[in-house]
Amino acid sequence: MTKKHKKYKITSNGMKKFLFIFTILFFTLFFIEKADAASILVSPPSAIYTGDNFEVLISIDSDGVPINSVDITLNYDENLMSFSGYKSENTITPLWLVSPHESNGSILMSGIIPGGVSGLYDPRNKGLSPIPLVKLLFSATKDGNAKLSFIERKILKNDGKGTELLHDSKNVNLEIRKSITGDGNFDSQENVFDKNSPEPFAITFLESSLFSRTPSMIIFDARDAGSGIKYYQIKIGFQDWQNAQSPQPVSKSIFSRDVVVRAYDFYSNFQDASIRIPGFLSFKLLLIILAVLVFSGILGLKLLKYRA
């Protein structure tokens, strides 16, 4: 007897289901791959010893997509290291709305990049390299394994719609080794004394509209190649110096005022920048008002004499 073989037929409905499932899987894998293509990168030094001052570069690989806004909160182990500021040399410096600063063991930063940027051209690879955003400055205070981890991270595309860029991030472990002085031992980085002032910088005044809730403000960002910017101070008119942070609200007054911003590095060197904030009354308008008052006074006196 011969065995009968069963014949299986692929119906049109079965083929449609197969193509539908295949299409869903293909596009799912495609978008997952595209989402993982963009990422935030943390680049620490290869070796860190207690007592070292070191830099950590934060950069963004946008996979060629233009971006114009970043909002990052980075957590660090404050028992083993301390945050001491930031540097902007050789980076695509954003217009900081919230400049990098420490708050309860986290570093917060938020800024915009007018016009957007998709990367830096790398002539060796003939393509785009990641966007260097900022260099964070730390001091190693104790040996151990320290962790840098992202708590919040938001990157917006430069598409005029505020679309978020899907991206990945990786936390980084830093091994801080003991630094023993004596024969055959050394610190990995030499602390160079900084004698130079920060570089000259400019102040931009953003005037608020008449009915806007946002106050008038100034924006500034100084750079220091030696040790980085530690803090800013501001002097408005004849007021005393006070601590400042860009953007700094500056209200308009009746008359124009001179505003001076002083940037300090970590060795107390400083650089000043100034700007004149216009008042509600200009100098020309004030002269016109005074002229009208004088003319009115003289005319009034003549009328009084005439009546007398």
C-alpha atoms as a PDB file:
ATOM      1  CA  MET A   1       0.000   0.000   0.000  1.00  0.00           C
ATOM      2  CA  THR A   2       1.238   3.364  -0.752  1.00  0.00           C
ATOM      3  CA  LYS A   3       1.093   6.055   1.877  1.00  0.00           C
ATOM      4  CA  LYS A   4      -0.913   9.068   1.084  1.00  0.00           C
ATOM      5  CA  HIS A   5       0.822  12.349   1.704  1.00  0.00           C
ATOM      6  CA  LYS A   6      -1.234  15.222   3.006  1.00  0.00           C
ATOM      7  CA  LYS A   7      -1.173  18.332   0.913  1.00  0.00           C
ATOM      8  CA  TYR A   8      -1.176  21.708   2.617  1.00  0.00           C
ATOM      9  CA  LYS A   9      -2.460  24.686   0.724  1.00  0.00           C
ATOM     10  CA  ILE A  10      -1.555  28.247   1.592  1.00  0.00           C
ATOM     11  CA  THR A  11      -4.744  30.197   1.318  1.00  0.00           C
ATOM     12  CA  SER A  12      -4.895  33.877   0.428  1.00  0.00           C
ATOM     13  CA  ASN A  13      -5.964  34.743   4.002  1.00  0.00           C
ATOM     14  CA  GLY A  14      -2.982  32.866   5.383  1.00  0.00           C
ATOM     15  CA  MET A  15      -0.634  34.679   3.045  1.00  0.00           C
ATOM     16  CA  LYS A  16      -2.090  38.036   4.069  1.00  0.00           C
ATOM     17  CA  LYS A  17      -1.599  37.211   7.761  1.00  0.00           C
ATOM     18  CA  PHE A  18       1.992  36.158   7.091  1.00  0.00           C
ATOM     19  CA  LEU A  19       2.777  39.364   5.194  1.00  0.00           C
ATOM     20  CA  PHE A  20       1.111  41.482   7.911  1.00  0.00           C
ATOM     21  CA  ILE A  21       3.109  39.846  10.706  1.00  0.00           C
ATOM     22  CA  PHE A  22       6.342  40.108   8.684  1.00  0.00           C
ATOM     23  CA  THR A  23       5.719  43.809   7.992  1.00  0.00           C
ATOM     24  CA  ILE A  24       5.052  44.544  11.669  1.00  0.00           C
ATOM     25  CA  LEU A  25       8.225  42.741  12.752  1.00  0.00           C
ATOM     26  CA  PHE A  26      10.308  44.488  10.087  1.00  0.00           C
ATOM     27  CA  PHE A  27       9.214  48.010  11.006  1.00  0.00           C
ATOM     28  CA  THR A  28       9.472  47.251  14.733  1.00  0.00           C
ATOM     29  CA  LEU A  29      13.074  46.141  14.346  1.00  0.00           C
ATOM     30  CA  PHE A  30      13.776  49.108  12.061  1.00  0.00           C
ATOM     31  CA  PHE A  31      12.519  51.711  14.522  1.00  0.00           C
ATOM     32  CA  ILE A  32      14.197  50.027  17.481  1.00  0.00           C
ATOM     33  CA  GLU A  33      17.477  50.182  15.589  1.00  0.00           C
ATOM     34  CA  LYS A  34      16.929  53.857  14.727  1.00  0.00           C
ATOM     35  CA  ALA A  35      16.017  54.662  18.340  1.00  0.00           C
ATOM     36  CA  ASP A  36      19.207  53.083  19.624  1.00  0.00           C
ATOM     37  CA  ALA A  37      21.336  54.845  17.003  1.00  0.00           C
ATOM     38  CA  ALA A  38      21.303  58.207  18.844  1.00  0.00           C
ATOM     39  CA  SER A  39      22.887  58.351  22.292  1.00  0.00           C
ATOM     40  CA  ILE A  40      24.387  60.523  25.033  1.00  0.00           C
ATOM     41  CA  LEU A  41      28.041  59.725  25.653  1.00  0.00           C
ATOM     42  CA  VAL A  42      30.125  60.220  28.806  1.00  0.00           C
ATOM     43  CA  SER A  43      33.899  60.216  28.322  1.00  0.00           C
ATOM     44  CA  PRO A  44      35.950  60.202  31.558  1.00  0.00           C
ATOM     45  CA  PRO A  45      39.774  60.010  31.752  1.00  0.00           C
ATOM     46  CA  SER A  46      41.381  56.578  31.631  1.00  0.00           C
ATOM     47  CA  ALA A  47      42.956  56.832  35.106  1.00  0.00           C
ATOM     48  CA  ILE A  48      41.869  58.817  38.174  1.00  0.00           C
ATOM     49  CA  TYR A  49      43.689  59.102  41.504  1.00  0.00           C
ATOM     50  CA  THR A  50      42.616  60.724  44.754  1.00  0.00           C
ATOM     51  CA  GLY A  51      43.415  64.416  44.725  1.00  0.00           C
ATOM     52  CA  ASP A  52      43.105  64.675  40.941  1.00  0.00           C
ATOM     53  CA  ASN A  53      41.161  67.396  39.186  1.00  0.00           C
ATOM     54  CA  PHE A  54      39.691  65.803  36.061  1.00  0.00           C
ATOM     55  CA  GLU A  55      37.286  66.475  33.203  1.00  0.00           C
ATOM     56  CA  VAL A  56      34.327  64.441  31.960  1.00  0.00           C
ATOM     57  CA  LEU A  57      33.139  65.205  28.433  1.00  0.00           C
ATOM     58  CA  ILE A  58      29.394  65.000  27.763  1.00  0.00           C
ATOM     59  CA  SER A  59      28.635  64.589  24.066  1.00  0.00           C
ATOM     60  CA  ILE A  60      25.647  63.635  21.925  1.00  0.00           C
ATOM     61  CA  ASP A  61      25.611  61.319  18.930  1.00  0.00           C
ATOM     62  CA  SER A  62      22.407  62.406  17.174  1.00  0.00           C
ATOM     63  CA  ASP A  63      22.877  59.949  14.281  1.00  0.00           C
ATOM     64  CA  GLY A  64      22.966  62.887  11.896  1.00  0.00           C
ATOM     65  CA  VAL A  65      19.658  64.386  13.080  1.00  0.00           C
ATOM     66  CA  PRO A  66      19.862  68.167  13.754  1.00  0.00           C
ATOM     67  CA  ILE A  67      19.078  69.028  17.390  1.00  0.00           C
ATOM     68  CA  ASN A  68      18.545  72.385  19.096  1.00  0.00           C
ATOM     69  CA  SER A  69      17.727  71.724  22.750  1.00  0.00           C
ATOM     70  CA  VAL A  70      19.069  69.634  25.638  1.00  0.00           C
ATOM     71  CA  ASP A  71      17.849  69.102  29.197  1.00  0.00           C
ATOM     72  CA  ILE A  72      20.040  66.825  31.331  1.00  0.00           C
ATOM     73  CA  THR A  73      20.239  65.812  34.986  1.00  0.00           C
ATOM     74  CA  LEU A  74      23.306  63.739  35.871  1.00  0.00           C
ATOM     75  CA  ASN A  75      23.782  62.074  39.239  1.00  0.00           C
ATOM     76  CA  TYR A  76      27.253  61.504  40.730  1.00  0.00           C
ATOM     77  CA  ASP A  77      28.742  59.964  43.878  1.00  0.00           C
ATOM     78  CA  GLU A  78      29.414  63.016  46.068  1.00  0.00           C
ATOM     79  CA  ASN A  79      31.073  60.807  48.708  1.00  0.00           C
ATOM     80  CA  LEU A  80      33.962  60.084  46.352  1.00  0.00           C
ATOM     81  CA  MET A  81      34.090  63.155  44.117  1.00  0.00           C
ATOM     82  CA  SER A  82      33.047  66.799  44.112  1.00  0.00           C
ATOM     83  CA  PHE A  83      31.754  68.941  41.268  1.00  0.00           C
ATOM     84  CA  SER A  84      33.834  72.060  40.668  1.00  0.00           C
ATOM     85  CA  GLY A  85      32.374  73.671  37.538  1.00  0.00           C
ATOM     86  CA  TYR A  86      32.433  73.307  33.782  1.00  0.00           C
ATOM     87  CA  LYS A  87      34.416  74.338  30.704  1.00  0.00           C
ATOM     88  CA  SER A  88      33.239  75.137  27.192  1.00  0.00           C
ATOM     89  CA  GLU A  89      36.528  75.004  25.263  1.00  0.00           C
ATOM     90  CA  ASN A  90      36.343  73.003  22.009  1.00  0.00           C
ATOM     91  CA  THR A  91      32.626  72.302  22.457  1.00  0.00           C
ATOM     92  CA  ILE A  92      29.406  73.305  20.744  1.00  0.00           C
ATOM     93  CA  THR A  93      28.402  75.611  23.581  1.00  0.00           C
ATOM     94  CA  PRO A  94      24.637  75.880  23.960  1.00  0.00           C
ATOM     95  CA  LEU A  95      22.941  79.072  24.986  1.00  0.00           C
ATOM     96  CA  TRP A  96      22.570  77.989  28.589  1.00  0.00           C
ATOM     97  CA  LEU A  97      19.134  78.584  30.084  1.00  0.00           C
ATOM     98  CA  VAL A  98      20.306  76.687  33.166  1.00  0.00           C
ATOM     99  CA  SER A  99      24.105  76.509  33.178  1.00  0.00           C
ATOM    100  CA  PRO A 100      25.636  73.298  34.601  1.00  0.00           C
ATOM    101  CA  HIS A 101      25.441  73.482  38.395  1.00  0.00           C
ATOM    102  CA  GLU A 102      25.212  71.137  41.385  1.00  0.00           C
ATOM    103  CA  SER A 103      22.057  70.507  43.403  1.00  0.00           C
ATOM    104  CA  ASN A 104      21.741  67.724  46.013  1.00  0.00           C
ATOM    105  CA  GLY A 105      24.257  65.387  44.414  1.00  0.00           C
ATOM    106  CA  SER A 106      23.068  65.993  40.855  1.00  0.00           C
ATOM    107  CA  ILE A 107      24.267  68.210  38.025  1.00  0.00           C
ATOM    108  CA  LEU A 108      21.540  70.068  36.168  1.00  0.00           C
ATOM    109  CA  MET A 109      21.892  71.740  32.793  1.00  0.00           C
ATOM    110  CA  SER A 110      19.521  73.006  30.127  1.00  0.00           C
ATOM    111  CA  GLY A 111      20.265  74.937  26.957  1.00  0.00           C
ATOM    112  CA  ILE A 112      19.403  75.630  23.344  1.00  0.00           C
ATOM    113  CA  ILE A 113      21.519  75.586  20.194  1.00  0.00           C
ATOM    114  CA  PRO A 114      20.165  78.278  17.831  1.00  0.00           C
ATOM    115  CA  GLY A 115      19.948  76.975  14.278  1.00  0.00           C
ATOM    116  CA  GLY A 116      20.526  73.395  15.404  1.00  0.00           C
ATOM    117  CA  VAL A 117      23.508  71.117  14.881  1.00  0.00           C
ATOM    118  CA  SER A 118      23.831  67.512  13.753  1.00  0.00           C
ATOM    119  CA  GLY A 119      27.490  66.886  14.549  1.00  0.00           C
ATOM    120  CA  LEU A 120      31.025  67.927  13.744  1.00  0.00           C
ATOM    121  CA  TYR A 121      32.588  66.952  10.452  1.00  0.00           C
ATOM    122  CA  ASP A 122      35.385  64.418  10.878  1.00  0.00           C
ATOM    123  CA  PRO A 123      37.714  64.579   7.846  1.00  0.00           C
ATOM    124  CA  ARG A 124      39.421  61.302   8.778  1.00  0.00           C
ATOM    125  CA  ASN A 125      36.232  59.273   8.648  1.00  0.00           C
ATOM    126  CA  LYS A 126      34.543  61.618   6.147  1.00  0.00           C
ATOM    127  CA  GLY A 127      31.451  61.836   8.289  1.00  0.00           C
ATOM    128  CA  LEU A 128      29.947  63.427  11.388  1.00  0.00           C
ATOM    129  CA  SER A 129      31.417  62.905  14.843  1.00  0.00           C
ATOM    130  CA  PRO A 130      29.395  63.299  18.102  1.00  0.00           C
ATOM    131  CA  ILE A 131      28.490  66.793  19.309  1.00  0.00           C
ATOM    132  CA  PRO A 132      30.777  67.841  22.227  1.00  0.00           C
ATOM    133  CA  LEU A 133      28.359  69.536  24.608  1.00  0.00           C
ATOM    134  CA  VAL A 134      30.248  70.444  27.785  1.00  0.00           C
ATOM    135  CA  LYS A 135      33.227  69.445  29.930  1.00  0.00           C
ATOM    136  CA  LEU A 136      32.289  68.868  33.565  1.00  0.00           C
ATOM    137  CA  LEU A 137      35.028  69.431  36.153  1.00  0.00           C
ATOM    138  CA  PHE A 138      35.421  67.162  39.187  1.00  0.00           C
ATOM    139  CA  SER A 139      37.840  66.570  42.046  1.00  0.00           C
ATOM    140  CA  ALA A 140      38.513  63.056  43.318  1.00  0.00           C
ATOM    141  CA  THR A 141      38.238  63.184  47.113  1.00  0.00           C
ATOM    142  CA  LYS A 142      38.297  59.476  48.037  1.00  0.00           C
ATOM    143  CA  ASP A 143      39.188  56.186  46.424  1.00  0.00           C
ATOM    144  CA  GLY A 144      36.458  53.780  45.344  1.00  0.00           C
ATOM    145  CA  ASN A 145      34.060  53.069  42.490  1.00  0.00           C
ATOM    146  CA  ALA A 146      32.061  56.192  41.654  1.00  0.00           C
ATOM    147  CA  LYS A 147      29.092  56.193  39.306  1.00  0.00           C
ATOM    148  CA  LEU A 148      27.816  58.803  36.871  1.00  0.00           C
ATOM    149  CA  SER A 149      24.194  58.093  35.959  1.00  0.00           C
ATOM    150  CA  PHE A 150      21.540  59.971  34.004  1.00  0.00           C
ATOM    151  CA  ILE A 151      18.354  60.761  35.911  1.00  0.00           C
ATOM    152  CA  GLU A 152      16.674  62.865  33.239  1.00  0.00           C
ATOM    153  CA  ARG A 153      17.615  63.441  29.618  1.00  0.00           C
ATOM    154  CA  LYS A 154      15.678  65.177  26.889  1.00  0.00           C
ATOM    155  CA  ILE A 155      16.919  66.106  23.431  1.00  0.00           C
ATOM    156  CA  LEU A 156      14.737  68.010  20.971  1.00  0.00           C
ATOM    157  CA  LYS A 157      15.061  67.887  17.201  1.00  0.00           C
ATOM    158  CA  ASN A 158      15.527  71.074  15.210  1.00  0.00           C
ATOM    159  CA  ASP A 159      12.251  70.560  13.349  1.00  0.00           C
ATOM    160  CA  GLY A 160      10.240  73.502  14.674  1.00  0.00           C
ATOM    161  CA  LYS A 161       7.826  71.128  16.423  1.00  0.00           C
ATOM    162  CA  GLY A 162       9.686  70.313  19.630  1.00  0.00           C
ATOM    163  CA  THR A 163       9.924  66.630  18.696  1.00  0.00           C
ATOM    164  CA  GLU A 164      12.011  64.550  21.095  1.00  0.00           C
ATOM    165  CA  LEU A 165      14.942  62.608  19.687  1.00  0.00           C
ATOM    166  CA  LEU A 166      14.808  58.964  20.727  1.00  0.00           C
ATOM    167  CA  HIS A 167      18.197  58.056  22.146  1.00  0.00           C
ATOM    168  CA  ASP A 168      20.062  55.747  24.472  1.00  0.00           C
ATOM    169  CA  SER A 169      22.432  56.450  27.361  1.00  0.00           C
ATOM    170  CA  LYS A 170      24.852  54.438  29.450  1.00  0.00           C
ATOM    171  CA  ASN A 171      25.863  55.010  33.041  1.00  0.00           C
ATOM    172  CA  VAL A 172      29.607  55.140  33.692  1.00  0.00           C
ATOM    173  CA  ASN A 173      31.634  53.689  36.565  1.00  0.00           C
ATOM    174  CA  LEU A 174      34.779  55.576  37.572  1.00  0.00           C
ATOM    175  CA  GLU A 175      37.544  53.773  39.433  1.00  0.00           C
ATOM    176  CA  ILE A 176      39.263  56.260  41.728  1.00  0.00           C
ATOM    177  CA  ARG A 177      42.571  54.817  42.907  1.00  0.00           C
ATOM    178  CA  LYS A 178      44.606  55.683  45.959  1.00  0.00           C
ATOM    179  CA  SER A 179      47.359  58.200  45.361  1.00  0.00           C
ATOM    180  CA  ILE A 180      50.401  57.477  47.535  1.00  0.00           C
ATOM    181  CA  THR A 181      53.249  59.978  47.599  1.00  0.00           C
ATOM    182  CA  GLY A 182      56.789  58.721  47.781  1.00  0.00           C
ATOM    183  CA  ASP A 183      59.325  56.907  45.619  1.00  0.00           C
ATOM    184  CA  GLY A 184      57.834  55.325  42.557  1.00  0.00           C
ATOM    185  CA  ASN A 185      54.416  56.863  43.062  1.00  0.00           C
ATOM    186  CA  PHE A 186      52.797  59.822  41.388  1.00  0.00           C
ATOM    187  CA  ASP A 187      49.588  61.699  40.821  1.00  0.00           C
ATOM    188  CA  SER A 188      48.051  61.063  37.393  1.00  0.00           C
ATOM    189  CA  GLN A 189      47.382  64.737  36.715  1.00  0.00           C
ATOM    190  CA  GLU A 190      49.422  67.764  37.639  1.00  0.00           C
ATOM    191  CA  ASN A 191      47.536  70.679  39.172  1.00  0.00           C
ATOM    192  CA  VAL A 192      48.686  73.659  37.142  1.00  0.00           C
ATOM    193  CA  PHE A 193      48.345  77.066  38.763  1.00  0.00           C
ATOM    194  CA  ASP A 194      46.160  79.326  36.653  1.00  0.00           C
ATOM    195  CA  LYS A 195      47.429  82.921  36.475  1.00  0.00           C
ATOM    196  CA  ASN A 196      45.370  84.079  33.500  1.00  0.00           C
ATOM    197  CA  SER A 197      41.992  85.780  33.562  1.00  0.00           C
ATOM    198  CA  PRO A 198      38.999  84.257  31.749  1.00  0.00           C
ATOM    199  CA  GLU A 199      38.600  85.170  28.101  1.00  0.00           C
ATOM    200  CA  PRO A 200      36.688  88.351  27.158  1.00  0.00           C
ATOM    201  CA  PHE A 201      32.973  87.672  26.732  1.00  0.00           C
ATOM    202  CA  ALA A 202      29.842  89.514  25.662  1.00  0.00           C
ATOM    203  CA  ILE A 203      26.475  90.166  27.296  1.00  0.00           C
ATOM    204  CA  THR A 204      23.229  89.917  25.343  1.00  0.00           C
ATOM    205  CA  PHE A 205      20.140  91.834  26.483  1.00  0.00           C
ATOM    206  CA  LEU A 206      16.745  90.241  25.795  1.00  0.00           C
ATOM    207  CA  GLU A 207      14.028  92.827  26.252  1.00  0.00           C
ATOM    208  CA  SER A 208      10.602  91.638  27.343  1.00  0.00           C
ATOM    209  CA  SER A 209       7.528  92.730  25.392  1.00  0.00           C
ATOM    210  CA  LEU A 210       4.959  95.000  27.013  1.00  0.00           C
ATOM    211  CA  PHE A 211       2.467  92.276  27.954  1.00  0.00           C
ATOM    212  CA  SER A 212       4.873  89.355  28.344  1.00  0.00           C
ATOM    213  CA  ARG A 213       5.140  87.465  31.623  1.00  0.00           C
ATOM    214  CA  THR A 214       8.811  86.773  30.963  1.00  0.00           C
ATOM    215  CA  PRO A 215      10.999  89.552  32.423  1.00  0.00           C
ATOM    216  CA  SER A 216      13.785  91.283  30.564  1.00  0.00           C
ATOM    217  CA  MET A 217      17.062  89.411  31.045  1.00  0.00           C
ATOM    218  CA  ILE A 218      20.707  89.249  30.085  1.00  0.00           C
ATOM    219  CA  ILE A 219      22.576  86.180  28.817  1.00  0.00           C
ATOM    220  CA  PHE A 220      26.326  85.597  29.123  1.00  0.00           C
ATOM    221  CA  ASP A 221      28.818  82.740  28.967  1.00  0.00           C
ATOM    222  CA  ALA A 222      32.506  83.192  29.799  1.00  0.00           C
ATOM    223  CA  ARG A 223      35.306  80.727  29.084  1.00  0.00           C
ATOM    224  CA  ASP A 224      38.542  79.991  30.920  1.00  0.00           C
ATOM    225  CA  ALA A 225      41.136  77.635  29.463  1.00  0.00           C
ATOM    226  CA  GLY A 226      43.155  77.241  32.664  1.00  0.00           C
ATOM    227  CA  SER A 227      40.741  76.104  35.363  1.00  0.00           C
ATOM    228  CA  GLY A 228      37.207  76.842  34.138  1.00  0.00           C
ATOM    229  CA  ILE A 229      34.543  79.288  35.316  1.00  0.00           C
ATOM    230  CA  LYS A 230      33.575  78.929  38.961  1.00  0.00           C
ATOM    231  CA  TYR A 231      30.908  81.608  39.384  1.00  0.00           C
ATOM    232  CA  TYR A 232      29.604  85.004  38.224  1.00  0.00           C
ATOM    233  CA  GLN A 233      28.767  88.274  39.956  1.00  0.00           C
ATOM    234  CA  ILE A 234      26.719  91.201  38.703  1.00  0.00           C
ATOM    235  CA  LYS A 235      26.631  94.920  39.472  1.00  0.00           C
ATOM    236  CA  ILE A 236      23.634  96.952  38.300  1.00  0.00           C
ATOM    237  CA  GLY A 237      24.109 100.717  38.353  1.00  0.00           C
ATOM    238  CA  PHE A 238      25.257 101.826  41.806  1.00  0.00           C
ATOM    239  CA  GLN A 239      24.088  98.642  43.540  1.00  0.00           C
ATOM    240  CA  ASP A 240      26.442  96.255  45.330  1.00  0.00           C
ATOM    241  CA  TRP A 241      27.895  93.151  43.718  1.00  0.00           C
ATOM    242  CA  GLN A 242      25.746  90.023  43.972  1.00  0.00           C
ATOM    243  CA  ASN A 243      25.939  86.462  42.658  1.00  0.00           C
ATOM    244  CA  ALA A 244      24.488  85.872  39.203  1.00  0.00           C
ATOM    245  CA  GLN A 245      23.680  83.084  36.781  1.00  0.00           C
ATOM    246  CA  SER A 246      22.828  83.203  33.100  1.00  0.00           C
ATOM    247  CA  PRO A 247      20.113  83.979  32.148  1.00  0.00           C
ATOM    248  CA  GLN A 248      19.862  86.763  34.748  1.00  0.00           C
ATOM    249  CA  PRO A 249      16.611  88.784  35.015  1.00  0.00           C
ATOM    250  CA  VAL A 250      17.271  92.530  34.848  1.00  0.00           C
ATOM    251  CA  SER A 251      14.275  94.820  35.170  1.00  0.00           C
ATOM    252  CA  LYS A 252      14.153  98.077  33.236  1.00  0.00           C
ATOM    253  CA  SER A 253      14.087 101.324  35.175  1.00  0.00           C
ATOM    254  CA  ILE A 254      13.081 104.847  34.291  1.00  0.00           C
ATOM    255  CA  PHE A 255      16.569 105.719  33.075  1.00  0.00           C
ATOM    256  CA  SER A 256      19.263 103.607  31.413  1.00  0.00           C
ATOM    257  CA  ARG A 257      21.738 101.762  33.644  1.00  0.00           C
ATOM    258  CA  ASP A 258      25.144 100.172  33.219  1.00  0.00           C
ATOM    259  CA  VAL A 259      25.322  96.475  34.059  1.00  0.00           C
ATOM    260  CA  VAL A 260      28.665  94.769  34.741  1.00  0.00           C
ATOM    261  CA  VAL A 261      29.085  90.975  34.888  1.00  0.00           C
ATOM    262  CA  ARG A 262      32.255  89.591  36.452  1.00  0.00           C
ATOM    263  CA  ALA A 263      33.348  85.997  35.714  1.00  0.00           C
ATOM    264  CA  TYR A 264      35.684  84.256  38.201  1.00  0.00           C
ATOM    265  CA  ASP A 265      37.786  81.171  37.549  1.00  0.00           C
ATOM    266  CA  PHE A 266      38.861  78.666  40.218  1.00  0.00           C
ATOM    267  CA  TYR A 267      41.969  80.706  41.082  1.00  0.00           C
ATOM    268  CA  SER A 268      40.051  83.965  41.691  1.00  0.00           C
ATOM    269  CA  ASN A 269      41.109  85.523  38.391  1.00  0.00           C
ATOM    270  CA  PHE A 270      38.259  87.490  36.851  1.00  0.00           C
ATOM    271  CA  GLN A 271      37.093  89.152  33.663  1.00  0.00           C
ATOM    272  CA  ASP A 272      34.472  91.921  33.361  1.00  0.00           C
ATOM    273  CA  ALA A 273      31.905  92.539  30.648  1.00  0.00           C
ATOM    274  CA  SER A 274      29.450  95.426  30.567  1.00  0.00           C
ATOM    275  CA  ILE A 275      26.301  96.526  28.781  1.00  0.00           C
ATOM    276  CA  ARG A 276      23.973  99.532  29.033  1.00  0.00           C
ATOM    277  CA  ILE A 277      20.344  98.578  29.647  1.00  0.00           C
ATOM    278  CA  PRO A 278      17.961 101.166  28.138  1.00  0.00           C
ATOM    279  CA  GLY A 279      15.363 102.774  30.405  1.00  0.00           C
ATOM    280  CA  PHE A 280      11.767 103.708  29.740  1.00  0.00           C
ATOM    281  CA  LEU A 281      12.890 107.327  29.234  1.00  0.00           C
ATOM    282  CA  SER A 282      15.681 107.990  26.766  1.00  0.00           C
ATOM    283  CA  PHE A 283      18.133 110.880  27.169  1.00  0.00           C
ATOM    284  CA  LYS A 284      16.633 112.695  24.170  1.00  0.00           C
ATOM    285  CA  LEU A 285      13.119 112.330  25.524  1.00  0.00           C
ATOM    286  CA  LEU A 286      14.300 113.625  28.900  1.00  0.00           C
ATOM    287  CA  LEU A 287      15.806 116.729  27.255  1.00  0.00           C
ATOM    288  CA  ILE A 288      12.555 117.347  25.407  1.00  0.00           C
ATOM    289  CA  ILE A 289      10.559 117.078  28.643  1.00  0.00           C
ATOM    290  CA  LEU A 290      12.951 119.452  30.417  1.00  0.00           C
ATOM    291  CA  ALA A 291      12.783 121.907  27.535  1.00  0.00           C
ATOM    292  CA  VAL A 292       8.977 121.819  27.609  1.00  0.00           C
ATOM    293  CA  LEU A 293       8.967 122.378  31.387  1.00  0.00           C
ATOM    294  CA  VAL A 294      11.405 125.299  31.126  1.00  0.00           C
ATOM    295  CA  PHE A 295       9.430 126.846  28.293  1.00  0.00           C
ATOM    296  CA  SER A 296       6.175 126.388  30.218  1.00  0.00           C
ATOM    297  CA  GLY A 297       7.751 128.000  33.307  1.00  0.00           C
ATOM    298  CA  ILE A 298       8.985 131.020  31.364  1.00  0.00           C
ATOM    299  CA  LEU A 299       5.622 131.411  29.650  1.00  0.00           C
ATOM    300  CA  GLY A 300       3.838 131.149  32.998  1.00  0.00           C
ATOM    301  CA  LEU A 301       6.017 133.881  34.520  1.00  0.00           C
ATOM    302  CA  LYS A 302       5.341 136.207  31.590  1.00  0.00           C
ATOM    303  CA  LEU A 303       1.598 135.674  31.970  1.00  0.00           C
ATOM    304  CA  LEU A 304       1.773 136.469  35.682  1.00  0.00           C
ATOM    305  CA  LYS A 305       3.705 139.686  34.999  1.00  0.00           C
ATOM    306  CA  TYR A 306       1.263 140.654  32.278  1.00  0.00           C
ATOM    307  CA  ARG A 307      -1.718 140.213  34.611  1.00  0.00           C
ATOM    308  CA  ALA A 308       0.035 142.148  37.363  1.00  0.00           C
END
